[in-house]
Amino acid sequence: MSIAAILLPDFSLILIGLILIRVTNWGAEFWAGLEKMVYFVLFPALLFYSTSRTPLDFSTTGKLIQGALLIVTAGIALGWLAKPLFPVGPMSFESAVQTAFRFNSYMALAIAFRLGGEAGTSMMALIIGFAVPLCNMAAVHALVHKSGGLAKELAKNPLLIATACGVLFNLTGLPMPEVAGVVLSRMGNASIALGLIMVGAGLKLSGLTEGRGMSAYLIAVKLLALPVIALLIGAWFALPPLQLQILVTFAALPTASSAYVLAARLGGNGPLVAFIISAGTLASIATLPVWLMLAR
């Protein structure tokens, strides 16, 4: 399958979202409600379903998971390196640093399926199951560590709860009831499509009043530095071809749109985060195909 065939459906859904929000008059409340439904209901259902049914065979996927966690750790370290380099206003750095290591899970699962079918989806779901808690802990810590609310925020994060519950259910060895499996599967499919549409609807390239250098740095870390690190880790671990492609795809993804939701909820600089997400997503149209070709 060509790189264009892999990426075009996902970027098409993002374009649909970009068009819809500009040609319709559904109002901000509609889009805000849809975003909440995806973030608090549909996407947690997808994470639970994926992690609850993915075989936890670490003998074959252990190095893949280690590689993904190393990539996230590198993103966290490189992100915090920007703090002394780019002086910005209060809460601006704390809001923006998460864009260096968080990833768009909707695109992750969609591209993984195009790369390797069910096998690719299972690998990416397993990565998400381990990477989401680390990413969310680092992102929430940056925003609330001074107020001491880290444990509270983590305890009520829907992505962490869904992932933990899915892994625990998986470990019990209990079969998924057929009806529940069908419902969760359909909710998961809806979350990917709606999530990508919401990415397009949320693209905003205006309102940046500070942090231009920091924004460029964080985007470069996410779209350029981390994929290079992924290629090096893949070679070091001698990953099989599909695992290498999944790992590089994971590293090369643009930042999660939920980074804006988190920054806005915790009193951060929402417009700055929205700009970085939007610019990074648009830039990934050019960078993702390159990294996928290098990973083949």
Protein backbone atom coordinates (compact mmCIF):
# COMPACT_ATOMS: atom_id res chain seq x y z
CA MET A 1 0.00 0.00 0.00
CA SER A 2 1.35 3.43 -0.94
CA ILE A 3 2.11 6.10 1.66
CA ALA A 4 -0.58 8.31 0.12
CA ALA A 5 -3.19 5.57 0.46
CA ILE A 6 -2.25 5.11 4.12
CA LEU A 7 -2.43 8.77 5.11
CA LEU A 8 -5.02 10.26 2.75
CA PRO A 9 -8.15 8.94 4.56
CA ASP A 10 -7.06 10.41 7.89
CA PHE A 11 -6.05 13.78 6.51
CA SER A 12 -9.30 13.83 4.53
CA LEU A 13 -11.30 13.53 7.76
CA ILE A 14 -9.24 16.36 9.26
CA LEU A 15 -10.03 18.45 6.16
CA ILE A 16 -13.72 17.64 6.54
CA GLY A 17 -13.64 18.99 10.08
CA LEU A 18 -11.83 22.13 8.92
CA ILE A 19 -14.50 22.72 6.26
CA LEU A 20 -17.50 21.86 8.44
CA ILE A 21 -16.71 24.35 11.19
CA ARG A 22 -16.37 27.11 8.59
CA VAL A 23 -19.42 26.42 6.40
CA THR A 24 -21.91 25.42 9.09
CA ASN A 25 -23.57 27.48 11.77
CA TRP A 26 -23.85 24.81 14.45
CA GLY A 27 -22.39 27.03 17.15
CA ALA A 28 -19.56 26.70 19.63
CA GLU A 29 -21.72 24.70 22.06
CA PHE A 30 -22.21 21.93 19.47
CA TRP A 31 -18.48 21.53 18.86
CA ALA A 32 -17.65 21.77 22.57
CA GLY A 33 -20.24 19.11 23.37
CA LEU A 34 -18.98 16.84 20.62
CA GLU A 35 -15.43 17.25 21.84
CA LYS A 36 -16.46 16.30 25.38
CA MET A 37 -18.34 13.23 24.14
CA VAL A 38 -15.28 12.02 22.23
CA TYR A 39 -12.85 12.74 25.08
CA PHE A 40 -14.94 11.52 28.01
CA VAL A 41 -17.04 8.74 26.45
CA LEU A 42 -16.09 7.43 23.01
CA PHE A 43 -12.30 7.48 23.20
CA PRO A 44 -12.13 5.93 26.69
CA ALA A 45 -14.36 3.15 25.30
CA LEU A 46 -11.84 2.60 22.50
CA LEU A 47 -8.91 2.50 24.93
CA PHE A 48 -10.68 0.06 27.22
CA TYR A 49 -11.71 -2.19 24.35
CA SER A 50 -8.27 -2.16 22.74
CA THR A 51 -6.27 -2.78 25.91
CA SER A 52 -8.70 -5.37 27.26
CA ARG A 53 -8.40 -7.60 24.19
CA THR A 54 -4.79 -7.02 23.12
CA PRO A 55 -2.63 -10.07 24.00
CA LEU A 56 -0.12 -8.99 26.63
CA ASP A 57 2.72 -11.05 25.16
CA PHE A 58 5.81 -9.14 26.21
CA SER A 59 8.14 -11.69 24.69
CA THR A 60 7.23 -10.36 21.23
CA THR A 61 6.18 -6.77 21.99
CA GLY A 62 8.37 -5.96 24.99
CA LYS A 63 11.01 -4.11 22.97
CA LEU A 64 8.32 -2.20 21.05
CA ILE A 65 6.80 -0.96 24.30
CA GLN A 66 10.23 -0.12 25.73
CA GLY A 67 11.00 1.85 22.59
CA ALA A 68 7.75 3.80 22.82
CA LEU A 69 8.35 4.69 26.47
CA LEU A 70 11.92 5.76 25.66
CA ILE A 71 10.54 8.04 22.94
CA VAL A 72 8.04 9.63 25.33
CA THR A 73 10.78 10.08 27.93
CA ALA A 74 13.01 11.73 25.32
CA GLY A 75 10.15 14.04 24.35
CA ILE A 76 9.62 15.03 27.99
CA ALA A 77 13.32 15.74 28.47
CA LEU A 78 13.67 17.72 25.23
CA GLY A 79 10.47 19.62 26.01
CA TRP A 80 11.66 20.75 29.43
CA LEU A 81 14.93 21.83 27.85
CA ALA A 82 12.97 24.70 26.32
CA LYS A 83 12.20 26.29 29.70
CA PRO A 84 15.53 28.12 30.15
CA LEU A 85 15.87 28.74 26.41
CA PHE A 86 12.58 30.56 25.78
CA PRO A 87 11.33 32.87 28.55
CA VAL A 88 7.54 33.19 28.28
CA GLY A 89 4.66 34.31 30.45
CA PRO A 90 3.19 32.46 33.46
CA MET A 91 1.66 29.08 32.61
CA SER A 92 2.64 29.40 28.93
CA PHE A 93 5.57 27.00 29.12
CA GLU A 94 3.67 24.67 31.46
CA SER A 95 0.82 24.57 28.94
CA ALA A 96 2.98 24.14 25.85
CA VAL A 97 5.59 21.62 27.03
CA GLN A 98 3.10 18.74 26.71
CA THR A 99 3.03 19.26 22.93
CA ALA A 100 6.58 17.89 22.72
CA PHE A 101 5.58 14.39 23.82
CA ARG A 102 1.81 13.89 23.61
CA PHE A 103 0.49 12.24 20.48
CA ASN A 104 -2.73 12.10 18.47
CA SER A 105 -4.18 8.71 19.34
CA TYR A 106 -6.95 8.99 16.74
CA MET A 107 -4.37 9.23 13.97
CA ALA A 108 -2.21 6.59 15.66
CA LEU A 109 -4.83 3.85 15.50
CA ALA A 110 -6.13 4.85 12.09
CA ILE A 111 -2.66 4.79 10.49
CA ALA A 112 -1.69 1.60 12.35
CA PHE A 113 -4.68 -0.21 10.85
CA ARG A 114 -3.71 0.97 7.39
CA LEU A 115 -0.15 -0.24 7.96
CA GLY A 116 -0.82 -3.67 9.45
CA GLY A 117 -4.53 -4.37 9.79
CA GLU A 118 -5.58 -5.91 13.11
CA ALA A 119 -1.97 -6.72 13.99
CA GLY A 120 -0.94 -3.09 13.52
CA THR A 121 -3.94 -1.85 15.49
CA SER A 122 -3.15 -4.21 18.38
CA MET A 123 0.47 -3.07 18.51
CA MET A 124 -0.49 0.60 18.54
CA ALA A 125 -3.22 0.00 21.12
CA LEU A 126 -0.66 -1.66 23.37
CA ILE A 127 1.69 1.30 22.95
CA ILE A 128 -1.17 3.69 23.75
CA GLY A 129 -2.05 1.68 26.82
CA PHE A 130 1.44 2.18 28.26
CA ALA A 131 2.24 5.63 26.82
CA VAL A 132 -0.99 7.44 27.71
CA PRO A 133 -0.46 7.19 31.49
CA LEU A 134 3.12 8.45 31.21
CA CYS A 135 2.14 11.29 28.85
CA ASN A 136 -0.80 12.36 30.99
CA MET A 137 1.18 12.24 34.23
CA ALA A 138 3.88 14.43 32.70
CA ALA A 139 1.35 16.84 31.16
CA VAL A 140 -0.78 17.16 34.30
CA HIS A 141 2.30 17.49 36.50
CA ALA A 142 3.55 20.44 34.45
CA LEU A 143 0.25 22.27 34.94
CA VAL A 144 -0.65 21.46 38.53
CA HIS A 145 2.58 20.54 40.33
CA LYS A 146 2.74 23.91 42.06
CA SER A 147 -0.80 23.59 43.37
CA GLY A 148 -0.37 20.01 44.57
CA GLY A 149 -3.35 18.75 42.58
CA LEU A 150 -1.50 16.10 40.55
CA ALA A 151 -3.00 13.04 42.26
CA LYS A 152 -6.52 14.47 42.02
CA GLU A 153 -6.23 15.24 38.32
CA LEU A 154 -4.73 11.84 37.50
CA ALA A 155 -7.42 10.03 39.51
CA LYS A 156 -10.21 11.54 37.41
CA ASN A 157 -8.52 11.49 33.99
CA PRO A 158 -10.80 9.43 31.70
CA LEU A 159 -7.95 8.13 29.54
CA LEU A 160 -5.99 6.86 32.52
CA ILE A 161 -9.07 5.27 34.05
CA ALA A 162 -10.05 3.54 30.80
CA THR A 163 -6.54 2.26 30.17
CA ALA A 164 -6.08 0.95 33.71
CA CYS A 165 -9.48 -0.76 33.65
CA GLY A 166 -8.76 -2.33 30.26
CA VAL A 167 -5.41 -3.73 31.38
CA LEU A 168 -6.92 -5.07 34.60
CA PHE A 169 -9.77 -6.73 32.70
CA ASN A 170 -7.23 -8.22 30.30
CA LEU A 171 -5.22 -9.68 33.19
CA THR A 172 -8.29 -11.40 34.63
CA GLY A 173 -8.54 -13.55 31.52
CA LEU A 174 -12.32 -13.17 31.42
CA PRO A 175 -13.98 -13.22 27.98
CA MET A 176 -15.53 -10.01 26.72
CA PRO A 177 -19.35 -10.42 26.50
CA GLU A 178 -20.36 -10.34 22.84
CA VAL A 179 -22.85 -7.51 23.18
CA ALA A 180 -20.41 -5.39 25.18
CA GLY A 181 -17.68 -6.06 22.63
CA VAL A 182 -19.87 -4.94 19.73
CA VAL A 183 -20.97 -1.78 21.55
CA LEU A 184 -17.42 -0.84 22.57
CA SER A 185 -16.09 -1.60 19.08
CA ARG A 186 -18.66 0.69 17.46
CA MET A 187 -17.98 3.42 19.99
CA GLY A 188 -14.27 3.06 19.26
CA ASN A 189 -14.77 3.35 15.51
CA ALA A 190 -16.89 6.46 16.05
CA SER A 191 -14.22 7.98 18.27
CA ILE A 192 -11.54 7.73 15.57
CA ALA A 193 -13.68 9.31 12.84
CA LEU A 194 -15.12 12.02 15.08
CA GLY A 195 -11.75 12.59 16.72
CA LEU A 196 -10.08 13.29 13.37
CA ILE A 197 -12.95 15.59 12.37
CA MET A 198 -12.53 17.42 15.68
CA VAL A 199 -8.81 17.80 14.97
CA GLY A 200 -9.69 19.64 11.76
CA ALA A 201 -12.41 21.69 13.45
CA GLY A 202 -9.96 22.76 16.13
CA LEU A 203 -7.23 24.04 13.81
CA LYS A 204 -6.42 27.61 14.78
CA LEU A 205 -3.42 29.49 13.45
CA SER A 206 -4.34 32.89 14.87
CA GLY A 207 -3.99 34.37 18.31
CA LEU A 208 -0.30 33.62 18.89
CA THR A 209 1.02 36.55 20.90
CA GLU A 210 4.12 35.01 22.50
CA GLY A 211 6.37 32.00 22.39
CA ARG A 212 7.04 31.86 18.65
CA GLY A 213 10.53 30.46 19.10
CA MET A 214 9.35 28.02 21.75
CA SER A 215 6.48 26.88 19.51
CA ALA A 216 8.84 26.19 16.62
CA TYR A 217 11.19 24.30 18.94
CA LEU A 218 8.45 22.09 20.40
CA ILE A 219 7.04 21.29 16.95
CA ALA A 220 10.53 20.36 15.75
CA VAL A 221 11.00 18.06 18.74
CA LYS A 222 7.71 16.28 18.06
CA LEU A 223 7.88 15.98 14.27
CA LEU A 224 11.64 15.78 13.63
CA ALA A 225 13.69 14.79 16.67
CA LEU A 226 11.47 12.02 18.04
CA PRO A 227 11.13 10.15 14.71
CA VAL A 228 14.92 10.16 14.37
CA ILE A 229 15.17 8.74 17.88
CA ALA A 230 12.57 6.10 16.93
CA LEU A 231 14.61 5.01 13.92
CA LEU A 232 17.71 4.71 16.09
CA ILE A 233 15.87 2.74 18.76
CA GLY A 234 14.34 0.48 16.12
CA ALA A 235 17.78 -0.29 14.70
CA TRP A 236 19.22 -0.80 18.18
CA PHE A 237 16.45 -3.23 19.17
CA ALA A 238 16.42 -4.87 15.70
CA LEU A 239 12.63 -4.56 15.54
CA PRO A 240 10.71 -6.50 12.87
CA PRO A 241 9.52 -4.37 9.91
CA LEU A 242 5.93 -3.84 11.08
CA GLN A 243 6.99 -3.01 14.64
CA LEU A 244 9.51 -0.51 13.31
CA GLN A 245 6.82 1.16 11.19
CA ILE A 246 4.45 1.31 14.15
CA LEU A 247 7.15 2.76 16.42
CA VAL A 248 8.18 5.43 13.91
CA THR A 249 4.54 6.31 13.23
CA PHE A 250 3.97 6.71 16.96
CA ALA A 251 6.98 9.02 17.26
CA ALA A 252 6.09 11.11 14.19
CA LEU A 253 2.46 11.84 15.11
CA PRO A 254 1.40 15.43 15.74
CA THR A 255 0.35 16.47 19.22
CA ALA A 256 -2.94 15.33 20.73
CA SER A 257 -5.82 17.78 20.41
CA SER A 258 -6.71 16.94 24.01
CA ALA A 259 -3.61 18.91 25.04
CA TYR A 260 -5.69 22.06 24.45
CA VAL A 261 -8.55 20.65 26.54
CA LEU A 262 -6.19 19.94 29.42
CA ALA A 263 -4.54 23.36 29.25
CA ALA A 264 -7.92 25.13 29.14
CA ARG A 265 -9.34 23.07 32.02
CA LEU A 266 -6.37 23.74 34.28
CA GLY A 267 -6.11 27.46 33.63
CA GLY A 268 -3.24 27.34 31.16
CA ASN A 269 -2.54 29.24 27.93
CA GLY A 270 -5.11 27.61 25.65
CA PRO A 271 -4.56 29.79 22.54
CA LEU A 272 -0.82 29.02 22.54
CA VAL A 273 -1.43 25.28 22.78
CA ALA A 274 -4.12 25.47 20.08
CA PHE A 275 -1.65 27.17 17.75
CA ILE A 276 1.09 24.57 18.35
CA ILE A 277 -1.37 21.71 17.80
CA SER A 278 -2.68 23.30 14.60
CA ALA A 279 0.72 24.19 13.16
CA GLY A 280 2.12 20.78 14.06
CA THR A 281 -0.84 18.94 12.54
CA LEU A 282 -0.51 20.86 9.28
CA ALA A 283 3.27 20.36 9.23
CA SER A 284 2.81 16.61 9.75
CA ILE A 285 1.17 16.42 6.32
CA ALA A 286 4.68 16.92 4.94
CA THR A 287 6.73 15.10 7.60
CA LEU A 288 4.72 11.92 8.22
CA PRO A 289 5.09 10.53 4.67
CA VAL A 290 8.87 11.01 4.87
CA TRP A 291 9.20 9.10 8.13
CA LEU A 292 6.93 6.30 6.92
CA MET A 293 9.07 5.91 3.82
CA LEU A 294 12.27 5.79 5.89
CA ALA A 295 10.74 3.17 8.18
CA ARG A 296 9.97 0.79 5.30
